[in-house]
C-alpha cells in the first residue's frame, strides 16, 4: 500500500486507537510463527498494546510473540479451529513458559 507500518502505528495511536491488532499477511496461515521483527519494532515505539496476529502454529509462537516480539497479546485461530490445540492446553503451555494467563474464563 506504500504506507510505512511504523509511521501508521504511531499515527493511529495519535488518532486515539486503544490498541493495534498487527496482522502479517505474509505469515498469516503459514503456522510458522508471527512476524516478530515488525511486531517488536511497533510494540517498542507505541504506548498502546500491540496484539500479534497471523502465523501461529504452536503455542511457542505465542510465547515468542510476547517475549521476543514484545506484543501484549497474541491472536490465534486455525490451531484451535482445527483441533490441533485446545485453549486450555495453550494456556497451560504459556503459563509454564512464564507468561501470565487467566486459567479461568
N, C-alpha and C. Protein backbone atom coordinates (compact mmCIF):
# COMPACT_ATOMS: atom_id res chain seq x y z
N UNK A 1 0.82 -1.20 0.00
CA UNK A 1 0.00 0.00 0.00
C UNK A 1 0.86 1.26 0.00
N UNK A 2 2.16 1.09 0.20
CA UNK A 2 3.03 2.26 0.19
C UNK A 2 3.01 3.07 1.48
N UNK A 3 2.47 2.50 2.55
CA UNK A 3 2.43 3.20 3.84
C UNK A 3 3.42 2.51 4.78
N UNK A 4 4.27 3.27 5.41
CA UNK A 4 5.23 2.73 6.37
C UNK A 4 4.47 2.25 7.61
N UNK A 5 4.69 1.00 8.00
CA UNK A 5 3.94 0.41 9.11
C UNK A 5 4.20 1.12 10.43
N UNK A 6 5.43 1.49 10.69
CA UNK A 6 5.73 2.18 11.95
C UNK A 6 5.09 3.55 11.99
N UNK A 7 5.18 4.27 10.89
CA UNK A 7 4.53 5.59 10.82
C UNK A 7 3.04 5.43 11.07
N UNK A 8 2.41 4.44 10.43
CA UNK A 8 0.97 4.24 10.56
C UNK A 8 0.60 3.87 11.99
N UNK A 9 1.40 3.02 12.63
CA UNK A 9 1.12 2.65 14.02
C UNK A 9 1.14 3.88 14.93
N UNK A 10 2.13 4.72 14.75
CA UNK A 10 2.21 5.94 15.54
C UNK A 10 1.03 6.87 15.23
N UNK A 11 0.64 6.92 13.97
CA UNK A 11 -0.47 7.78 13.56
C UNK A 11 -1.79 7.31 14.16
N UNK A 12 -2.07 6.01 14.12
CA UNK A 12 -3.34 5.54 14.68
C UNK A 12 -3.36 5.72 16.19
N UNK A 13 -2.21 5.60 16.83
CA UNK A 13 -2.13 5.89 18.26
C UNK A 13 -2.45 7.36 18.50
N UNK A 14 -1.86 8.24 17.70
CA UNK A 14 -2.11 9.68 17.84
C UNK A 14 -3.59 10.00 17.61
N UNK A 15 -4.23 9.27 16.71
CA UNK A 15 -5.64 9.50 16.41
C UNK A 15 -6.58 8.91 17.46
N UNK A 16 -6.04 8.17 18.43
CA UNK A 16 -6.87 7.69 19.53
C UNK A 16 -7.10 6.20 19.61
N UNK A 17 -6.43 5.41 18.78
CA UNK A 17 -6.60 3.95 18.86
C UNK A 17 -6.19 3.48 20.26
N UNK A 18 -6.92 2.51 20.77
CA UNK A 18 -6.61 1.98 22.10
C UNK A 18 -5.69 0.79 22.07
N UNK A 19 -5.58 0.15 20.92
CA UNK A 19 -4.67 -0.98 20.74
C UNK A 19 -4.51 -1.21 19.25
N UNK A 20 -3.49 -1.98 18.89
CA UNK A 20 -3.23 -2.30 17.49
C UNK A 20 -3.24 -3.81 17.35
N UNK A 21 -4.06 -4.32 16.45
CA UNK A 21 -4.03 -5.73 16.08
C UNK A 21 -3.17 -5.81 14.82
N UNK A 22 -1.95 -6.30 14.98
CA UNK A 22 -0.95 -6.28 13.91
C UNK A 22 -0.92 -7.63 13.23
N UNK A 23 -1.45 -7.69 12.02
CA UNK A 23 -1.51 -8.94 11.27
C UNK A 23 -0.51 -8.92 10.13
N UNK A 24 0.35 -9.92 10.08
CA UNK A 24 1.28 -10.06 8.97
C UNK A 24 0.63 -10.92 7.89
N UNK A 25 0.34 -10.31 6.77
CA UNK A 25 -0.26 -11.05 5.65
C UNK A 25 0.69 -12.14 5.16
N UNK A 26 2.00 -11.87 5.22
CA UNK A 26 2.97 -12.86 4.77
C UNK A 26 3.01 -14.09 5.66
N UNK A 27 2.79 -13.91 6.96
CA UNK A 27 2.86 -15.03 7.90
C UNK A 27 1.50 -15.69 8.12
N UNK A 28 0.43 -14.97 7.86
CA UNK A 28 -0.93 -15.47 8.16
C UNK A 28 -1.19 -16.79 7.45
N UNK A 29 -1.62 -17.77 8.23
CA UNK A 29 -1.97 -19.08 7.68
C UNK A 29 -0.80 -20.02 7.47
N UNK A 30 0.42 -19.56 7.69
CA UNK A 30 1.59 -20.41 7.46
C UNK A 30 1.87 -21.38 8.60
N UNK A 31 1.43 -21.03 9.80
CA UNK A 31 1.71 -21.79 11.02
C UNK A 31 3.20 -21.88 11.31
N UNK A 32 3.96 -20.90 10.81
CA UNK A 32 5.41 -20.86 11.01
C UNK A 32 5.82 -19.81 12.05
N UNK A 33 4.86 -19.15 12.65
CA UNK A 33 5.16 -18.13 13.66
C UNK A 33 4.82 -16.74 13.18
N UNK A 34 4.74 -15.84 14.12
CA UNK A 34 4.41 -14.44 13.84
C UNK A 34 5.61 -13.73 13.23
N UNK A 35 5.37 -12.60 12.61
CA UNK A 35 6.43 -11.75 12.07
C UNK A 35 6.96 -10.91 13.23
N UNK A 36 7.99 -11.41 13.89
CA UNK A 36 8.45 -10.82 15.14
C UNK A 36 9.21 -9.52 14.97
N UNK A 37 9.87 -9.33 13.85
CA UNK A 37 10.66 -8.11 13.66
C UNK A 37 9.76 -6.88 13.66
N UNK A 38 8.72 -6.89 12.86
CA UNK A 38 7.83 -5.73 12.79
C UNK A 38 7.00 -5.61 14.07
N UNK A 39 6.65 -6.74 14.65
CA UNK A 39 5.89 -6.71 15.90
C UNK A 39 6.69 -6.00 16.99
N UNK A 40 7.94 -6.38 17.14
CA UNK A 40 8.80 -5.76 18.15
C UNK A 40 9.02 -4.27 17.84
N UNK A 41 9.26 -3.96 16.57
CA UNK A 41 9.51 -2.57 16.20
C UNK A 41 8.33 -1.68 16.58
N UNK A 42 7.13 -2.15 16.28
CA UNK A 42 5.94 -1.35 16.58
C UNK A 42 5.67 -1.32 18.08
N UNK A 43 5.75 -2.48 18.74
CA UNK A 43 5.48 -2.54 20.18
C UNK A 43 6.42 -1.63 20.97
N UNK A 44 7.65 -1.51 20.52
CA UNK A 44 8.62 -0.68 21.24
C UNK A 44 8.48 0.81 20.93
N UNK A 45 7.64 1.15 19.95
CA UNK A 45 7.53 2.55 19.53
C UNK A 45 6.16 3.17 19.72
N UNK A 46 5.22 2.41 20.31
CA UNK A 46 3.92 2.96 20.65
C UNK A 46 3.65 2.67 22.13
N UNK A 47 2.73 3.40 22.71
CA UNK A 47 2.41 3.20 24.13
C UNK A 47 1.16 2.34 24.32
N UNK A 48 0.44 2.04 23.25
CA UNK A 48 -0.76 1.23 23.34
C UNK A 48 -0.41 -0.25 23.12
N UNK A 49 -1.26 -1.16 23.60
CA UNK A 49 -0.99 -2.58 23.42
C UNK A 49 -0.96 -2.98 21.94
N UNK A 50 -0.07 -3.91 21.63
CA UNK A 50 0.02 -4.48 20.28
C UNK A 50 -0.31 -5.96 20.39
N UNK A 51 -1.26 -6.40 19.56
CA UNK A 51 -1.67 -7.80 19.53
C UNK A 51 -1.08 -8.42 18.27
N UNK A 52 -0.24 -9.44 18.43
CA UNK A 52 0.34 -10.14 17.28
C UNK A 52 -0.73 -11.01 16.65
N UNK A 53 -0.75 -11.03 15.32
CA UNK A 53 -1.74 -11.83 14.61
C UNK A 53 -1.12 -12.38 13.33
N UNK A 54 -1.46 -13.62 13.01
CA UNK A 54 -1.04 -14.20 11.74
C UNK A 54 0.21 -15.05 11.84
N UNK A 55 0.04 -16.37 11.84
CA UNK A 55 1.19 -17.26 11.75
C UNK A 55 1.32 -18.31 12.83
N UNK A 56 0.47 -18.29 13.85
CA UNK A 56 0.62 -19.24 14.95
C UNK A 56 0.35 -20.68 14.50
N UNK A 57 1.31 -21.54 14.80
CA UNK A 57 1.14 -22.97 14.53
C UNK A 57 1.39 -23.82 15.76
N UNK A 58 1.92 -23.17 16.79
CA UNK A 58 2.28 -23.86 18.03
C UNK A 58 2.25 -22.82 19.16
N UNK A 59 1.93 -23.23 20.37
CA UNK A 59 1.92 -22.26 21.47
C UNK A 59 3.25 -21.53 21.67
N UNK A 60 4.36 -22.15 21.30
CA UNK A 60 5.65 -21.48 21.43
C UNK A 60 5.67 -20.20 20.59
N UNK A 61 4.96 -20.19 19.49
CA UNK A 61 4.88 -18.98 18.66
C UNK A 61 4.25 -17.83 19.44
N UNK A 62 3.26 -18.14 20.27
CA UNK A 62 2.63 -17.10 21.09
C UNK A 62 3.60 -16.61 22.16
N UNK A 63 4.33 -17.52 22.76
CA UNK A 63 5.34 -17.15 23.75
C UNK A 63 6.37 -16.22 23.09
N UNK A 64 6.82 -16.59 21.90
CA UNK A 64 7.80 -15.78 21.18
C UNK A 64 7.25 -14.40 20.84
N UNK A 65 5.98 -14.33 20.48
CA UNK A 65 5.37 -13.04 20.14
C UNK A 65 5.41 -12.10 21.34
N UNK A 66 5.25 -12.64 22.53
CA UNK A 66 5.26 -11.82 23.74
C UNK A 66 6.68 -11.56 24.23
N UNK A 67 7.49 -12.60 24.31
CA UNK A 67 8.85 -12.43 24.85
C UNK A 67 9.79 -11.75 23.86
N UNK A 68 9.77 -12.15 22.61
CA UNK A 68 10.69 -11.59 21.61
C UNK A 68 10.07 -10.40 20.90
N UNK A 69 8.81 -10.56 20.48
CA UNK A 69 8.13 -9.52 19.72
C UNK A 69 7.57 -8.40 20.58
N UNK A 70 7.60 -8.56 21.90
CA UNK A 70 7.13 -7.55 22.84
C UNK A 70 5.64 -7.23 22.70
N UNK A 71 4.88 -8.13 22.09
CA UNK A 71 3.43 -7.95 21.96
C UNK A 71 2.78 -8.06 23.34
N UNK A 72 1.65 -7.42 23.51
CA UNK A 72 0.88 -7.52 24.74
C UNK A 72 0.04 -8.78 24.77
N UNK A 73 -0.28 -9.28 23.58
CA UNK A 73 -1.11 -10.48 23.44
C UNK A 73 -0.86 -11.07 22.06
N UNK A 74 -1.36 -12.28 21.87
CA UNK A 74 -1.22 -12.95 20.58
C UNK A 74 -2.55 -13.58 20.20
N UNK A 75 -2.95 -13.35 18.98
CA UNK A 75 -4.22 -13.86 18.46
C UNK A 75 -3.97 -15.19 17.76
N UNK A 76 -4.86 -16.14 17.97
CA UNK A 76 -4.76 -17.44 17.30
C UNK A 76 -6.09 -17.76 16.64
N UNK A 77 -6.04 -18.67 15.70
CA UNK A 77 -7.28 -19.10 15.05
C UNK A 77 -7.19 -20.57 14.66
N UNK A 78 -6.51 -20.87 13.57
CA UNK A 78 -6.58 -22.20 12.98
C UNK A 78 -6.12 -23.33 13.89
N UNK A 79 -5.12 -23.11 14.75
CA UNK A 79 -4.66 -24.22 15.58
C UNK A 79 -5.73 -24.68 16.57
N UNK A 80 -6.66 -23.78 16.89
CA UNK A 80 -7.78 -24.15 17.75
C UNK A 80 -8.96 -24.62 16.90
N UNK A 81 -9.23 -23.90 15.83
CA UNK A 81 -10.36 -24.25 14.96
C UNK A 81 -10.26 -25.66 14.42
N UNK A 82 -9.03 -26.09 14.09
CA UNK A 82 -8.85 -27.41 13.51
C UNK A 82 -8.49 -28.47 14.55
N UNK A 83 -8.60 -28.13 15.82
CA UNK A 83 -8.44 -29.09 16.89
C UNK A 83 -7.01 -29.52 17.18
N UNK A 84 -6.02 -28.75 16.71
CA UNK A 84 -4.63 -29.11 16.96
C UNK A 84 -4.25 -28.87 18.42
N UNK A 85 -4.81 -27.82 19.02
CA UNK A 85 -4.57 -27.47 20.41
C UNK A 85 -5.89 -26.98 21.00
N UNK A 86 -6.09 -27.23 22.29
CA UNK A 86 -7.24 -26.65 22.97
C UNK A 86 -6.79 -25.35 23.64
N UNK A 87 -7.74 -24.52 23.98
CA UNK A 87 -7.43 -23.27 24.69
C UNK A 87 -6.71 -23.60 26.01
N UNK A 88 -7.21 -24.58 26.72
CA UNK A 88 -6.59 -24.96 27.99
C UNK A 88 -5.14 -25.40 27.78
N UNK A 89 -4.88 -26.22 26.77
CA UNK A 89 -3.51 -26.67 26.51
C UNK A 89 -2.59 -25.48 26.20
N UNK A 90 -3.08 -24.56 25.41
CA UNK A 90 -2.29 -23.39 25.05
C UNK A 90 -1.99 -22.54 26.28
N UNK A 91 -3.00 -22.31 27.10
CA UNK A 91 -2.80 -21.51 28.31
C UNK A 91 -1.83 -22.19 29.27
N UNK A 92 -1.95 -23.48 29.43
CA UNK A 92 -1.03 -24.21 30.30
C UNK A 92 0.39 -24.13 29.77
N UNK A 93 0.56 -24.28 28.47
CA UNK A 93 1.88 -24.18 27.85
C UNK A 93 2.48 -22.81 28.11
N UNK A 94 1.69 -21.78 27.86
CA UNK A 94 2.19 -20.41 28.04
C UNK A 94 2.52 -20.14 29.51
N UNK A 95 1.68 -20.57 30.42
CA UNK A 95 1.93 -20.37 31.84
C UNK A 95 3.23 -21.06 32.26
N UNK A 96 3.46 -22.25 31.72
CA UNK A 96 4.70 -22.98 32.02
C UNK A 96 5.94 -22.29 31.46
N UNK A 97 5.74 -21.40 30.51
CA UNK A 97 6.84 -20.63 29.92
C UNK A 97 6.99 -19.25 30.59
N UNK A 98 6.21 -19.03 31.65
CA UNK A 98 6.32 -17.80 32.41
C UNK A 98 5.47 -16.64 31.90
N UNK A 99 4.52 -16.93 31.02
CA UNK A 99 3.61 -15.90 30.51
C UNK A 99 2.37 -15.87 31.41
N UNK A 100 2.02 -14.70 31.96
CA UNK A 100 0.81 -14.64 32.78
C UNK A 100 -0.45 -14.84 31.92
N UNK A 101 -1.27 -15.79 32.29
CA UNK A 101 -2.52 -16.05 31.58
C UNK A 101 -3.63 -16.29 32.60
N UNK A 102 -4.87 -15.99 32.20
CA UNK A 102 -6.04 -16.33 33.03
C UNK A 102 -6.39 -17.77 32.75
N UNK A 103 -6.40 -18.59 33.78
CA UNK A 103 -6.72 -20.01 33.61
C UNK A 103 -8.21 -20.28 33.76
N UNK A 104 -8.96 -19.31 34.23
CA UNK A 104 -10.41 -19.47 34.37
C UNK A 104 -11.07 -18.45 33.44
N UNK A 105 -12.06 -18.89 32.69
CA UNK A 105 -12.79 -17.98 31.81
C UNK A 105 -14.24 -18.31 31.79
